[in-house]
PDB file of N, CA and C in Angstrom:
ATOM      1  N   MET A   1       0.924  -1.234   0.081  1.00  0.00           N
ATOM      2  CA  MET A   1       0.522   0.000  -0.156  1.00  0.00           C
ATOM      3  C   MET A   1       0.599   1.143  -0.333  1.00  0.00           C
ATOM      4  N   GLU A   2       0.228   2.460  -0.919  1.00  0.00           N
ATOM      5  CA  GLU A   2       1.312   3.643  -0.438  1.00  0.00           C
ATOM      6  C   GLU A   2       0.162   4.780  -0.874  1.00  0.00           C
ATOM      7  N   VAL A   3       0.537   5.513   0.098  1.00  0.00           N
ATOM      8  CA  VAL A   3      -0.173   6.748  -0.175  1.00  0.00           C
ATOM      9  C   VAL A   3       0.169   8.072  -0.060  1.00  0.00           C
ATOM     10  N   SER A   4      -0.112   9.037  -0.884  1.00  0.00           N
ATOM     11  CA  SER A   4       0.185  10.582  -1.243  1.00  0.00           C
ATOM     12  C   SER A   4      -0.214  11.652  -0.867  1.00  0.00           C
ATOM     13  N   ILE A   5       0.432  12.535  -0.681  1.00  0.00           N
ATOM     14  CA  ILE A   5      -0.262  13.546  -0.194  1.00  0.00           C
ATOM     15  C   ILE A   5      -0.097  14.809  -0.698  1.00  0.00           C
ATOM     16  N   ASP A   6      -1.257  15.527  -0.972  1.00  0.00           N
ATOM     17  CA  ASP A   6      -1.335  16.802  -1.563  1.00  0.00           C
ATOM     18  C   ASP A   6      -0.680  18.080  -0.962  1.00  0.00           C
ATOM     19  N   LEU A   7       1.051  18.005  -0.809  1.00  0.00           N
ATOM     20  CA  LEU A   7       1.151  19.098   0.116  1.00  0.00           C
ATOM     21  C   LEU A   7       0.879  20.808  -0.220  1.00  0.00           C
ATOM     22  N   GLU A   8       0.207  20.477  -1.012  1.00  0.00           N
ATOM     23  CA  GLU A   8      -0.470  21.860  -1.636  1.00  0.00           C
ATOM     24  C   GLU A   8      -1.575  21.941  -0.654  1.00  0.00           C
ATOM     25  N   LYS A   9      -2.393  21.081  -0.135  1.00  0.00           N
ATOM     26  CA  LYS A   9      -3.928  21.230  -0.013  1.00  0.00           C
ATOM     27  C   LYS A   9      -3.331  21.254   2.178  1.00  0.00           C
ATOM     28  N   CYS A  10      -1.857  20.451   2.613  1.00  0.00           N
ATOM     29  CA  CYS A  10      -1.787  20.370   3.759  1.00  0.00           C
ATOM     30  C   CYS A  10      -1.596  21.512   4.784  1.00  0.00           C
ATOM     31  N   ALA A  11      -2.985  21.563   5.330  1.00  0.00           N
ATOM     32  CA  ALA A  11      -2.430  22.593   6.261  1.00  0.00           C
ATOM     33  C   ALA A  11      -2.010  22.721   7.581  1.00  0.00           C
ATOM     34  N   GLY A  12      -1.215  21.592   7.729  1.00  0.00           N
ATOM     35  CA  GLY A  12      -0.334  21.691   9.088  1.00  0.00           C
ATOM     36  C   GLY A  12      -1.229  20.997  10.392  1.00  0.00           C
ATOM     37  N   HIS A  13      -2.780  20.043  10.327  1.00  0.00           N
ATOM     38  CA  HIS A  13      -3.225  19.737  11.361  1.00  0.00           C
ATOM     39  C   HIS A  13      -2.201  18.845  12.097  1.00  0.00           C
ATOM     40  N   ALA A  14      -1.808  18.323  11.243  1.00  0.00           N
ATOM     41  CA  ALA A  14      -1.046  16.854  11.927  1.00  0.00           C
ATOM     42  C   ALA A  14      -1.669  16.090  12.467  1.00  0.00           C
ATOM     43  N   ARG A  15      -2.933  15.642  12.333  1.00  0.00           N
ATOM     44  CA  ARG A  15      -3.702  14.529  12.259  1.00  0.00           C
ATOM     45  C   ARG A  15      -3.274  13.461  11.455  1.00  0.00           C
ATOM     46  N   CYS A  16      -2.810  13.387  10.804  1.00  0.00           N
ATOM     47  CA  CYS A  16      -1.938  11.779  10.284  1.00  0.00           C
ATOM     48  C   CYS A  16      -0.970  11.723  11.079  1.00  0.00           C
ATOM     49  N   TYR A  17      -0.010  12.501  11.531  1.00  0.00           N
ATOM     50  CA  TYR A  17       1.221  11.884  12.443  1.00  0.00           C
ATOM     51  C   TYR A  17       0.655  11.558  13.343  1.00  0.00           C
ATOM     52  N   ALA A  18      -0.347  12.292  14.410  1.00  0.00           N
ATOM     53  CA  ALA A  18      -1.216  11.447  15.638  1.00  0.00           C
ATOM     54  C   ALA A  18      -1.833   9.896  15.309  1.00  0.00           C
ATOM     55  N   ALA A  19      -2.140   9.875  14.060  1.00  0.00           N
ATOM     56  CA  ALA A  19      -2.295   8.582  14.029  1.00  0.00           C
ATOM     57  C   ALA A  19      -1.797   7.678  13.381  1.00  0.00           C
ATOM     58  N   SER A  20      -0.416   7.926  12.807  1.00  0.00           N
ATOM     59  CA  SER A  20       0.510   7.501  12.553  1.00  0.00           C
ATOM     60  C   SER A  20       1.685   7.836  12.388  1.00  0.00           C
ATOM     61  N   PRO A  21       2.580   7.984  13.731  1.00  0.00           N
ATOM     62  CA  PRO A  21       3.961   8.563  13.944  1.00  0.00           C
ATOM     63  C   PRO A  21       4.745   8.105  12.982  1.00  0.00           C
ATOM     64  N   GLU A  22       5.170   6.478  13.221  1.00  0.00           N
ATOM     65  CA  GLU A  22       5.868   6.141  12.483  1.00  0.00           C
ATOM     66  C   GLU A  22       5.856   6.517  10.768  1.00  0.00           C
ATOM     67  N   LEU A  23       4.331   6.861  10.581  1.00  0.00           N
ATOM     68  CA  LEU A  23       5.001   6.982   8.762  1.00  0.00           C
ATOM     69  C   LEU A  23       4.994   8.328   8.011  1.00  0.00           C
ATOM     70  N   PHE A  24       4.721   9.273   9.061  1.00  0.00           N
ATOM     71  CA  PHE A  24       4.490  10.961   8.385  1.00  0.00           C
ATOM     72  C   PHE A  24       5.869  11.671   9.047  1.00  0.00           C
ATOM     73  N   ASP A  25       6.559  12.308   7.927  1.00  0.00           N
ATOM     74  CA  ASP A  25       7.426  12.961   8.619  1.00  0.00           C
ATOM     75  C   ASP A  25       6.911  14.684   8.049  1.00  0.00           C
ATOM     76  N   LEU A  26       7.217  15.380   9.257  1.00  0.00           N
ATOM     77  CA  LEU A  26       6.215  16.675   9.130  1.00  0.00           C
ATOM     78  C   LEU A  26       7.561  17.693   9.806  1.00  0.00           C
ATOM     79  N   ASP A  27       7.276  19.380   9.311  1.00  0.00           N
ATOM     80  CA  ASP A  27       8.100  19.856   9.783  1.00  0.00           C
ATOM     81  C   ASP A  27       7.709  20.659  10.987  1.00  0.00           C
ATOM     82  N   GLU A  28       8.455  21.350  11.506  1.00  0.00           N
ATOM     83  CA  GLU A  28       7.941  21.784  13.130  1.00  0.00           C
ATOM     84  C   GLU A  28       6.960  22.330  13.259  1.00  0.00           C
ATOM     85  N   SER A  29       6.412  23.081  11.963  1.00  0.00           N
ATOM     86  CA  SER A  29       4.768  23.756  11.981  1.00  0.00           C
ATOM     87  C   SER A  29       3.787  22.587  11.890  1.00  0.00           C
ATOM     88  N   GLY A  30       4.149  21.166  11.496  1.00  0.00           N
ATOM     89  CA  GLY A  30       2.989  20.803  11.215  1.00  0.00           C
ATOM     90  C   GLY A  30       2.559  20.247   9.889  1.00  0.00           C
ATOM     91  N   TYR A  31       3.244  20.549   8.953  1.00  0.00           N
ATOM     92  CA  TYR A  31       3.190  20.509   7.487  1.00  0.00           C
ATOM     93  C   TYR A  31       4.121  19.054   7.354  1.00  0.00           C
ATOM     94  N   ALA A  32       3.331  18.191   6.416  1.00  0.00           N
ATOM     95  CA  ALA A  32       3.922  16.601   5.358  1.00  0.00           C
ATOM     96  C   ALA A  32       5.214  17.583   4.520  1.00  0.00           C
ATOM     97  N   LEU A  33       5.982  16.496   5.073  1.00  0.00           N
ATOM     98  CA  LEU A  33       7.624  16.730   3.871  1.00  0.00           C
ATOM     99  C   LEU A  33       7.334  15.977   3.213  1.00  0.00           C
ATOM    100  N   ASN A  34       6.667  15.024   2.822  1.00  0.00           N
ATOM    101  CA  ASN A  34       7.182  13.817   2.492  1.00  0.00           C
ATOM    102  C   ASN A  34       5.800  13.497   1.041  1.00  0.00           C
ATOM    103  N   ALA A  35       5.564  13.689  -0.092  1.00  0.00           N
ATOM    104  CA  ALA A  35       4.514  13.560  -0.673  1.00  0.00           C
ATOM    105  C   ALA A  35       3.895  12.020  -0.873  1.00  0.00           C
ATOM    106  N   GLU A  36       4.792  11.152  -1.109  1.00  0.00           N
ATOM    107  CA  GLU A  36       4.673   9.583  -1.097  1.00  0.00           C
ATOM    108  C   GLU A  36       5.467   8.960  -0.302  1.00  0.00           C
ATOM    109  N   ILE A  37       4.359   8.682   0.456  1.00  0.00           N
ATOM    110  CA  ILE A  37       4.982   7.279   1.003  1.00  0.00           C
ATOM    111  C   ILE A  37       4.283   5.534   1.196  1.00  0.00           C
ATOM    112  N   SER A  38       5.617   4.661   0.964  1.00  0.00           N
ATOM    113  CA  SER A  38       5.289   3.600   1.185  1.00  0.00           C
ATOM    114  C   SER A  38       4.909   3.194   2.489  1.00  0.00           C
ATOM    115  N   VAL A  39       4.038   2.440   2.675  1.00  0.00           N
ATOM    116  CA  VAL A  39       3.582   1.851   4.104  1.00  0.00           C
ATOM    117  C   VAL A  39       3.843  -0.012   3.996  1.00  0.00           C
ATOM    118  N   PRO A  40       4.602  -0.304   5.087  1.00  0.00           N
ATOM    119  CA  PRO A  40       5.292  -1.020   5.527  1.00  0.00           C
ATOM    120  C   PRO A  40       4.005  -1.838   5.889  1.00  0.00           C
ATOM    121  N   ASP A  41       4.235  -3.370   5.566  1.00  0.00           N
ATOM    122  CA  ASP A  41       2.973  -4.485   5.980  1.00  0.00           C
ATOM    123  C   ASP A  41       2.649  -4.320   7.174  1.00  0.00           C
ATOM    124  N   GLY A  42       1.318  -4.327   7.437  1.00  0.00           N
ATOM    125  CA  GLY A  42       1.354  -4.178   8.933  1.00  0.00           C
ATOM    126  C   GLY A  42       0.336  -2.865   9.530  1.00  0.00           C
ATOM    127  N   ASP A  43       1.313  -1.703   8.416  1.00  0.00           N
ATOM    128  CA  ASP A  43       0.832  -0.573   8.899  1.00  0.00           C
ATOM    129  C   ASP A  43      -0.073  -0.150   8.338  1.00  0.00           C
ATOM    130  N   GLU A  44      -1.191  -0.615   7.414  1.00  0.00           N
ATOM    131  CA  GLU A  44      -2.875  -0.142   6.441  1.00  0.00           C
ATOM    132  C   GLU A  44      -3.356   0.294   7.433  1.00  0.00           C
ATOM    133  N   PRO A  45      -3.986  -0.450   8.897  1.00  0.00           N
ATOM    134  CA  PRO A  45      -4.844  -0.087   9.033  1.00  0.00           C
ATOM    135  C   PRO A  45      -4.496   1.723   9.647  1.00  0.00           C
ATOM    136  N   ALA A  46      -3.409   1.787  10.440  1.00  0.00           N
ATOM    137  CA  ALA A  46      -3.081   3.226  10.930  1.00  0.00           C
ATOM    138  C   ALA A  46      -2.542   4.197   9.696  1.00  0.00           C
ATOM    139  N   ALA A  47      -2.621   3.903   8.502  1.00  0.00           N
ATOM    140  CA  ALA A  47      -2.111   4.893   7.294  1.00  0.00           C
ATOM    141  C   ALA A  47      -3.809   5.066   6.573  1.00  0.00           C
ATOM    142  N   ARG A  48      -5.001   3.985   6.947  1.00  0.00           N
ATOM    143  CA  ARG A  48      -6.083   4.422   6.439  1.00  0.00           C
ATOM    144  C   ARG A  48      -6.505   5.372   7.608  1.00  0.00           C
ATOM    145  N   GLU A  49      -6.577   5.173   8.951  1.00  0.00           N
ATOM    146  CA  GLU A  49      -6.748   5.934   9.879  1.00  0.00           C
ATOM    147  C   GLU A  49      -6.339   7.686   9.779  1.00  0.00           C
ATOM    148  N   ALA A  50      -5.083   7.723   9.450  1.00  0.00           N
ATOM    149  CA  ALA A  50      -4.363   8.985   8.705  1.00  0.00           C
ATOM    150  C   ALA A  50      -5.088   9.516   7.840  1.00  0.00           C
ATOM    151  N   VAL A  51      -5.556   8.910   6.736  1.00  0.00           N
ATOM    152  CA  VAL A  51      -6.189   9.138   5.912  1.00  0.00           C
ATOM    153  C   VAL A  51      -7.551   9.834   6.246  1.00  0.00           C
ATOM    154  N   ALA A  52      -8.518   9.189   6.840  1.00  0.00           N
ATOM    155  CA  ALA A  52      -9.486   9.707   7.194  1.00  0.00           C
ATOM    156  C   ALA A  52      -9.449  10.455   8.118  1.00  0.00           C
ATOM    157  N   SER A  53      -8.843  10.504   8.846  1.00  0.00           N
ATOM    158  CA  SER A  53      -8.475  12.460   9.513  1.00  0.00           C
ATOM    159  C   SER A  53      -7.828  13.454   9.228  1.00  0.00           C
ATOM    160  N   CYS A  54      -7.640  13.214   8.534  1.00  0.00           N
ATOM    161  CA  CYS A  54      -7.155  14.341   7.285  1.00  0.00           C
ATOM    162  C   CYS A  54      -8.658  15.211   7.110  1.00  0.00           C
ATOM    163  N   PRO A  55      -8.671  16.286   7.764  1.00  0.00           N
ATOM    164  CA  PRO A  55      -9.464  17.264   7.522  1.00  0.00           C
ATOM    165  C   PRO A  55      -9.700  18.207   5.850  1.00  0.00           C
ATOM    166  N   GLU A  56      -8.162  18.454   5.575  1.00  0.00           N
ATOM    167  CA  GLU A  56      -7.816  18.784   4.226  1.00  0.00           C
ATOM    168  C   GLU A  56      -8.340  17.741   3.315  1.00  0.00           C
ATOM    169  N   ARG A  57      -8.374  16.690   3.362  1.00  0.00           N
ATOM    170  CA  ARG A  57      -8.949  15.383   2.477  1.00  0.00           C
ATOM    171  C   ARG A  57      -7.415  15.651   1.138  1.00  0.00           C
ATOM    172  N   ALA A  58      -6.372  15.395   2.516  1.00  0.00           N
ATOM    173  CA  ALA A  58      -4.909  15.743   1.623  1.00  0.00           C
ATOM    174  C   ALA A  58      -4.437  14.486   1.067  1.00  0.00           C
ATOM    175  N   ILE A  59      -4.449  13.707   1.916  1.00  0.00           N
ATOM    176  CA  ILE A  59      -3.893  12.319   1.563  1.00  0.00           C
ATOM    177  C   ILE A  59      -4.534  11.529   1.523  1.00  0.00           C
ATOM    178  N   HIS A  60      -4.333  10.584   0.509  1.00  0.00           N
ATOM    179  CA  HIS A  60      -4.712   9.495  -0.393  1.00  0.00           C
ATOM    180  C   HIS A  60      -3.943   8.174  -0.514  1.00  0.00           C
ATOM    181  N   GLU A  61      -5.061   7.134  -0.658  1.00  0.00           N
ATOM    182  CA  GLU A  61      -4.675   5.608  -0.475  1.00  0.00           C
ATOM    183  C   GLU A  61      -4.324   5.051  -1.985  1.00  0.00           C
ATOM    184  N   ARG A  62      -3.069   5.105  -2.253  1.00  0.00           N
ATOM    185  CA  ARG A  62      -3.170   4.519  -3.957  1.00  0.00           C
ATOM    186  C   ARG A  62      -2.973   3.297  -3.849  1.00  0.00           C
TER     187      ARG A  62
END
């Protein structure tokens, strides 16, 4: 599984990080740093929670 982040839509809420801190790299203001993330086996539920938690709908499962 992979997720993509529309960095222009990211508003720095950091809810993705709260759902799955091991997957998301954020800057000091809470904005995502990486647009493409490969999700390791077993971390799919946390990644899906992060996708669902983004209020800007900037994160998408691929």
